Amino acid sequence: MKLFYSPASPFVRKVMACAVAREVDSQIELVPTNAHASPPALLAANPLSKVPTLITEDEVALFDSPVICEYLDALEGALPLFPRAAGPRWRALKYQALADGIMDAAVARRGESQKPEEAARAVSLARFKAAMDRGIALLEAELPNQTVDIGTIAVGCALGYLDFRFGHEPWRPAAPQLAAWFAKFSENPCMARTAPRDPS
């Protein structure tokens, strides 16, 4: 398998955390990619020019992270990350959607913050921050469990991205139970081995 990736992307981290949890990460060739430059190799696989994009062993191009994670989960091996039973499954998928939404807002907010200051930019930044804050508040109210599944992995990646890109805005004081959850969940190999380190 081949993965077009950027080391700073929280969605790439989610894919790699799933790969580590399922013990298939050694089967993935990492292809460093600047999606903003729309390189031909990426466009040939994904016309949206986004990472992560996975090329399977059957040469099928898959995107984006929810699809790739589900593909990895379908490979034979460890216990599934997408629960089969209805209750746990919908809970895990809800957490994945919530975490992906937080990451979407955080990535968009970071992108907006690089633009020249203007009124419309300030409105967009405030909107993205409010979405991030509401997501954290819901997670504090509906704390995930410590089971390693697609939902908890996504939440861990979202919180890790907030620390990585918005460390100057600590979220822990408003969410102490979530902070304790995150500290413990971060000890899992799938989280520890994929922690963002790109200083850019």
Foldseek 3Di string as FASTA:
>chain_A
DEWADALLQLLVLLLQLLCVVQVNNVVYHYDDDDLVVVDPVQCVQPVVSDPGWDQDPVRHIDDDSVGSSVVSQPDDGDDGQQDDDDPVNVVQVVLLVLLVLLSVLVVVLVVLVVDDDDDVSVVSNVVSVVSNLVSLVVCLVVPDDLDRHSNVSSNLSSVLSCCLPVVVDDPCVVRVVNVVSSVVSCPDCSNVVSRRDDND
